[in-house]
C-alpha atoms as a PDB file:
ATOM      1  CA  MET A   1      10.600  11.341  -6.170  1.00  0.00           C
ATOM      2  CA  ASN A   2       7.297  10.349  -7.761  1.00  0.00           C
ATOM      3  CA  LYS A   3       5.306  13.235  -9.559  1.00  0.00           C
ATOM      4  CA  LEU A   4       2.720  15.107  -7.293  1.00  0.00           C
ATOM      5  CA  ASP A   5      -0.710  15.855  -8.283  1.00  0.00           C
ATOM      6  CA  SER A   6      -2.224  19.200  -7.638  1.00  0.00           C
ATOM      7  CA  GLU A   7      -3.626  18.326  -4.328  1.00  0.00           C
ATOM      8  CA  GLU A   8      -0.284  16.880  -3.032  1.00  0.00           C
ATOM      9  CA  LYS A   9       1.478  20.153  -4.420  1.00  0.00           C
ATOM     10  CA  GLU A  10      -1.126  22.145  -2.625  1.00  0.00           C
ATOM     11  CA  ILE A  11      -0.446  20.283   0.887  1.00  0.00           C
ATOM     12  CA  LEU A  12       3.376  20.451   0.221  1.00  0.00           C
ATOM     13  CA  GLU A  13       3.194  24.321  -0.343  1.00  0.00           C
ATOM     14  CA  ALA A  14       1.012  24.690   3.029  1.00  0.00           C
ATOM     15  CA  PHE A  15       3.384  22.677   4.668  1.00  0.00           C
ATOM     16  CA  GLU A  16       6.484  24.399   3.572  1.00  0.00           C
ATOM     17  CA  SER A  17       4.846  27.777   4.164  1.00  0.00           C
ATOM     18  CA  GLY A  18       3.702  27.260   7.875  1.00  0.00           C
ATOM     19  CA  GLN A  19       0.102  27.355   7.287  1.00  0.00           C
ATOM     20  CA  LEU A  20      -0.823  24.064   8.298  1.00  0.00           C
ATOM     21  CA  LYS A  21      -1.814  23.640  12.018  1.00  0.00           C
ATOM     22  CA  LEU A  22      -2.067  20.590  14.145  1.00  0.00           C
ATOM     23  CA  ALA A  23      -5.641  19.205  14.767  1.00  0.00           C
ATOM     24  CA  LYS A  24      -6.788  18.945  18.223  1.00  0.00           C
ATOM     25  CA  GLU A  25      -6.063  16.221  20.448  1.00  0.00           C
ATOM     26  CA  VAL A  26      -3.094  15.382  17.674  1.00  0.00           C
ATOM     27  CA  SER A  27      -1.424  12.717  19.792  1.00  0.00           C
ATOM     28  CA  LYS A  28      -5.001  11.022  20.568  1.00  0.00           C
ATOM     29  CA  LYS A  29      -5.438  10.873  16.738  1.00  0.00           C
ATOM     30  CA  ILE A  30      -1.831   9.517  16.291  1.00  0.00           C
ATOM     31  CA  ALA A  31      -2.512   6.686  18.555  1.00  0.00           C
ATOM     32  CA  GLU A  32      -5.872   5.935  16.955  1.00  0.00           C
ATOM     33  CA  HIS A  33      -4.249   5.902  13.473  1.00  0.00           C
ATOM     34  CA  GLN A  34      -1.357   3.685  14.797  1.00  0.00           C
ATOM     35  CA  LYS A  35      -3.605   0.945  16.181  1.00  0.00           C
ATOM     36  CA  TYR A  36      -5.924   1.059  12.735  1.00  0.00           C
ATOM     37  CA  ALA A  37      -2.641   0.464  10.792  1.00  0.00           C
ATOM     38  CA  GLU A  38      -1.122  -2.147  12.897  1.00  0.00           C
ATOM     39  CA  ALA A  39      -4.397  -3.982  12.479  1.00  0.00           C
ATOM     40  CA  THR A  40      -4.688  -3.748   9.022  1.00  0.00           C
ATOM     41  CA  PHE A  41      -1.129  -4.761   8.362  1.00  0.00           C
ATOM     42  CA  LYS A  42      -0.933  -7.413  11.099  1.00  0.00           C
ATOM     43  CA  LYS A  43       0.135 -10.631   9.128  1.00  0.00           C
ATOM     44  CA  ASP A  44      -1.182 -13.506  11.284  1.00  0.00           C
ATOM     45  CA  ALA A  45      -2.252 -16.123   8.899  1.00  0.00           C
ATOM     46  CA  ARG A  46      -0.098 -18.145   6.548  1.00  0.00           C
ATOM     47  CA  ILE A  47      -0.978 -19.782   3.399  1.00  0.00           C
ATOM     48  CA  ASN A  48       0.597 -22.192   1.230  1.00  0.00           C
ATOM     49  CA  ILE A  49      -0.102 -22.239  -2.762  1.00  0.00           C
ATOM     50  CA  ARG A  50       1.188 -23.892  -5.354  1.00  0.00           C
ATOM     51  CA  LEU A  51       2.174 -21.967  -8.911  1.00  0.00           C
ATOM     52  CA  SER A  52       4.265 -22.685 -11.915  1.00  0.00           C
ATOM     53  CA  SER A  53       7.767 -22.210 -12.113  1.00  0.00           C
ATOM     54  CA  ARG A  54       7.190 -19.738 -15.015  1.00  0.00           C
ATOM     55  CA  ASP A  55       4.686 -17.420 -12.633  1.00  0.00           C
ATOM     56  CA  LEU A  56       7.188 -17.778  -9.445  1.00  0.00           C
ATOM     57  CA  ARG A  57      10.023 -16.460 -11.791  1.00  0.00           C
ATOM     58  CA  ALA A  58       7.600 -13.603 -13.176  1.00  0.00           C
ATOM     59  CA  LEU A  59       6.665 -12.700  -9.483  1.00  0.00           C
ATOM     60  CA  GLN A  60      10.474 -12.750  -8.533  1.00  0.00           C
ATOM     61  CA  ALA A  61      11.477 -10.453 -11.494  1.00  0.00           C
ATOM     62  CA  ARG A  62       8.829  -8.335 -10.901  1.00  0.00           C
ATOM     63  CA  ALA A  63       9.370  -7.864  -7.304  1.00  0.00           C
ATOM     64  CA  LEU A  64      13.191  -7.433  -7.853  1.00  0.00           C
ATOM     65  CA  LYS A  65      12.218  -4.386 -10.245  1.00  0.00           C
ATOM     66  CA  GLU A  66       9.933  -2.738  -7.398  1.00  0.00           C
ATOM     67  CA  GLY A  67      12.663  -3.334  -5.299  1.00  0.00           C
ATOM     68  CA  ILE A  68      10.779  -5.696  -2.440  1.00  0.00           C
ATOM     69  CA  PRO A  69      10.649  -9.062  -1.690  1.00  0.00           C
ATOM     70  CA  TYR A  70       8.645 -11.408  -3.871  1.00  0.00           C
ATOM     71  CA  GLN A  71       6.646 -12.548  -0.928  1.00  0.00           C
ATOM     72  CA  THR A  72       5.642  -8.920  -0.054  1.00  0.00           C
ATOM     73  CA  LEU A  73       4.498  -8.555  -3.741  1.00  0.00           C
ATOM     74  CA  VAL A  74       2.040 -11.146  -3.802  1.00  0.00           C
ATOM     75  CA  SER A  75       0.451 -10.485  -0.209  1.00  0.00           C
ATOM     76  CA  SER A  76       0.212  -6.658  -1.591  1.00  0.00           C
ATOM     77  CA  VAL A  77      -1.499  -8.042  -4.841  1.00  0.00           C
ATOM     78  CA  LEU A  78      -3.902 -10.097  -3.001  1.00  0.00           C
ATOM     79  CA  HIS A  79      -4.490  -7.272  -0.367  1.00  0.00           C
ATOM     80  CA  LYS A  80      -5.748  -4.890  -3.243  1.00  0.00           C
ATOM     81  CA  PHE A  81      -7.754  -7.347  -4.891  1.00  0.00           C
ATOM     82  CA  VAL A  82      -9.690  -8.239  -2.181  1.00  0.00           C
ATOM     83  CA  ASP A  83      -9.989  -4.607  -0.846  1.00  0.00           C
ATOM     84  CA  GLY A  84     -11.497  -3.731  -4.615  1.00  0.00           C
ATOM     85  CA  GLN A  85      -8.475  -1.631  -5.634  1.00  0.00           C
ATOM     86  CA  LEU A  86      -7.425  -4.216  -8.171  1.00  0.00           C
ATOM     87  CA  VAL A  87      -9.965  -5.635 -10.523  1.00  0.00           C
ATOM     88  CA  ASP A  88     -10.110  -8.108 -12.863  1.00  0.00           C
ATOM     89  CA  LYS A  89     -10.428  -6.659 -16.386  1.00  0.00           C
ATOM     90  CA  ALA A  90     -11.856  -9.634 -17.758  1.00  0.00           C
ATOM     91  CA  ALA A  91     -14.543 -10.228 -15.292  1.00  0.00           C
ATOM     92  CA  ASN A  92     -15.679  -6.398 -16.399  1.00  0.00           C
ATOM     93  CA  LYS A  93     -16.205  -7.030 -20.080  1.00  0.00           C
END
């Protein structure tokens, strides 16, 4: 299991001790968040790209190390980049 930061530990301790309470209208909120998740991760477009064999092998090796399909890794990297979670260090110099 990954190491938890202090906030995550606090939440886990509150959960385990029974201190957490359900939010009002919890089933409505769950349904809303499920819709958000479905919309966020809906894969409804296809692209074709040309890569060097070397880059493709490196992507496949990295995906294997992470335990995920390489296309999922590529999609995740692209999503993080366009979402601003992954930045180009060279562009920030």
